């Protein structure tokens, strides 16, 4: 191993590759999906995610898109997550769609054993929370 940082990149890419393979095989929570924005991205930095709104909430029957960016220090630090579709939730910046990490349990308590799937599941749980489940929502189809 060299001193050029390759030692750090191998575990990161291995973890991300494992997450990609799990998603591509349809394993895990079927209410969410996950994949790379660009299949040629050898660093696996930019991801698309989808979340099916929880039943019994104002989000029911809606499909929300999110963008996830895994920086160089992932999985030591949590990814950056932004909604593409406009959504009214306490943990989402209403101007940009960016998720406030301190307001989503899985991001606020991040450790290297957490996964991108857990982030999406955590956001879905936030949608179903008593604070967010009935909040008025922007018109369907509107985007940030």
Protein backbone atom coordinates (compact mmCIF):
# COMPACT_ATOMS: atom_id res chain seq x y z
CA UNK A 1 0.00 0.00 0.00
CA UNK A 2 1.23 3.47 -0.81
CA UNK A 3 0.98 6.70 1.11
CA UNK A 4 -1.24 8.28 -1.57
CA UNK A 5 -4.51 7.63 0.19
CA UNK A 6 -5.27 4.34 -1.56
CA UNK A 7 -5.52 2.68 1.82
CA UNK A 8 -8.53 4.85 2.66
CA UNK A 9 -10.25 4.47 -0.72
CA UNK A 10 -10.34 0.66 -0.72
CA UNK A 11 -12.65 0.24 2.32
CA UNK A 12 -14.87 3.10 1.13
CA UNK A 13 -15.31 1.68 -2.36
CA UNK A 14 -15.75 -1.84 -1.02
CA UNK A 15 -18.57 -0.68 1.27
CA UNK A 16 -20.24 1.28 -1.54
CA UNK A 17 -19.89 -1.63 -3.97
CA UNK A 18 -21.53 -3.91 -1.41
CA UNK A 19 -24.42 -1.43 -1.06
CA UNK A 20 -24.79 -1.18 -4.84
CA UNK A 21 -24.86 -4.96 -5.29
CA UNK A 22 -27.46 -5.35 -2.54
CA UNK A 23 -29.67 -2.73 -4.16
CA UNK A 24 -29.29 -4.17 -7.67
CA UNK A 25 -30.29 -7.62 -6.41
CA UNK A 26 -33.47 -6.19 -4.84
CA UNK A 27 -32.47 -7.16 -1.33
CA UNK A 28 -33.59 -5.02 1.59
CA UNK A 29 -36.55 -2.69 2.08
CA UNK A 30 -38.81 -2.71 -0.98
CA UNK A 31 -40.18 0.77 -0.18
CA UNK A 32 -36.90 2.35 -1.21
CA UNK A 33 -34.50 1.99 -4.12
CA UNK A 34 -30.94 3.07 -4.67
CA UNK A 35 -28.45 3.25 -7.54
CA UNK A 36 -25.55 5.19 -8.98
CA UNK A 37 -26.27 8.36 -10.96
CA UNK A 38 -23.51 7.38 -13.40
CA UNK A 39 -22.52 3.72 -13.77
CA UNK A 40 -19.03 4.85 -14.85
CA UNK A 41 -18.40 6.68 -11.54
CA UNK A 42 -15.49 4.60 -10.23
CA UNK A 43 -15.58 6.47 -6.91
CA UNK A 44 -19.31 5.74 -6.48
CA UNK A 45 -19.90 9.24 -5.12
CA UNK A 46 -23.29 10.24 -6.54
CA UNK A 47 -26.40 8.17 -5.99
CA UNK A 48 -30.10 8.38 -6.82
CA UNK A 49 -32.59 7.20 -4.26
CA UNK A 50 -36.35 6.74 -4.31
CA UNK A 51 -38.70 6.57 -1.36
CA UNK A 52 -42.29 5.37 -1.56
CA UNK A 53 -44.42 7.44 0.80
CA UNK A 54 -45.67 5.59 3.88
CA UNK A 55 -49.24 4.30 3.95
CA UNK A 56 -51.62 6.30 6.13
CA UNK A 57 -49.76 9.59 5.64
CA UNK A 58 -50.11 12.56 3.32
CA UNK A 59 -47.14 11.03 1.46
CA UNK A 60 -49.03 7.82 0.61
CA UNK A 61 -48.87 6.88 -3.11
CA UNK A 62 -46.13 9.46 -3.77
CA UNK A 63 -42.64 8.59 -4.95
CA UNK A 64 -39.90 10.93 -3.77
CA UNK A 65 -36.49 11.21 -5.42
CA UNK A 66 -33.36 12.06 -3.49
CA UNK A 67 -29.76 12.71 -4.47
CA UNK A 68 -27.06 11.31 -2.22
CA UNK A 69 -23.43 12.35 -2.30
CA UNK A 70 -20.81 10.20 -0.58
CA UNK A 71 -17.74 12.32 -0.04
CA UNK A 72 -14.14 11.12 0.20
CA UNK A 73 -14.50 10.46 3.93
CA UNK A 74 -17.57 8.21 3.59
CA UNK A 75 -18.32 5.97 5.53
CA UNK A 76 -16.54 7.80 8.36
CA UNK A 77 -18.85 10.78 7.79
CA UNK A 78 -22.49 10.63 6.65
CA UNK A 79 -23.48 11.34 3.07
CA UNK A 80 -25.13 14.59 1.98
CA UNK A 81 -28.76 14.04 1.02
CA UNK A 82 -31.14 16.33 -0.89
CA UNK A 83 -34.69 15.83 -2.06
CA UNK A 84 -35.35 16.42 -5.76
CA UNK A 85 -39.13 16.60 -5.28
CA UNK A 86 -40.40 19.40 -3.09
CA UNK A 87 -41.45 18.08 0.30
CA UNK A 88 -42.55 19.76 3.50
CA UNK A 89 -40.74 18.08 6.40
CA UNK A 90 -39.03 19.58 9.42
CA UNK A 91 -35.68 18.02 8.48
CA UNK A 92 -35.62 19.42 4.91
CA UNK A 93 -34.49 22.92 3.92
CA UNK A 94 -37.45 24.35 2.02
CA UNK A 95 -35.24 26.45 -0.30
CA UNK A 96 -32.77 23.77 -1.38
CA UNK A 97 -34.23 20.36 -0.49
CA UNK A 98 -31.13 19.57 1.56
CA UNK A 99 -31.67 17.23 4.51
CA UNK A 100 -30.52 18.59 7.89
CA UNK A 101 -28.36 15.78 9.25
CA UNK A 102 -28.94 16.77 12.87
CA UNK A 103 -32.71 16.21 12.49
CA UNK A 104 -32.63 12.67 11.05
CA UNK A 105 -31.69 10.03 13.63
CA UNK A 106 -29.59 7.80 11.37
CA UNK A 107 -27.57 10.80 10.12
CA UNK A 108 -27.28 12.46 13.53
CA UNK A 109 -25.96 9.24 15.10
CA UNK A 110 -23.91 8.19 12.06
CA UNK A 111 -21.21 5.54 12.32
CA UNK A 112 -19.37 3.63 9.61
CA UNK A 113 -21.69 0.63 10.01
CA UNK A 114 -24.71 2.59 8.78
CA UNK A 115 -25.69 2.36 5.11
CA UNK A 116 -27.32 4.41 2.37
CA UNK A 117 -30.33 2.11 2.62
CA UNK A 118 -30.66 3.00 6.31
CA UNK A 119 -30.60 6.69 5.37
CA UNK A 120 -33.52 6.23 2.97
CA UNK A 121 -35.42 4.12 5.49
CA UNK A 122 -34.75 6.80 8.12
CA UNK A 123 -36.18 9.50 5.84
CA UNK A 124 -39.25 7.34 5.22
CA UNK A 125 -39.67 6.99 8.99
CA UNK A 126 -39.48 10.77 9.28
CA UNK A 127 -42.31 11.04 6.74
CA UNK A 128 -44.43 8.81 8.97
CA UNK A 129 -43.58 10.64 12.20
CA UNK A 130 -46.38 12.46 14.01
CA UNK A 131 -44.70 15.78 13.21
CA UNK A 132 -44.55 15.20 9.43
CA UNK A 133 -47.30 12.74 8.52
CA UNK A 134 -50.04 15.35 7.93
CA UNK A 135 -48.10 18.50 7.00
CA UNK A 136 -49.51 20.27 3.92
CA UNK A 137 -47.35 19.45 0.90
CA UNK A 138 -46.27 21.46 -2.16
CA UNK A 139 -48.08 20.70 -5.43
CA UNK A 140 -47.30 17.22 -6.72
CA UNK A 141 -44.57 17.23 -9.33
CA UNK A 142 -42.85 20.40 -8.06
CA UNK A 143 -39.09 20.21 -7.71
CA UNK A 144 -36.24 22.08 -6.06
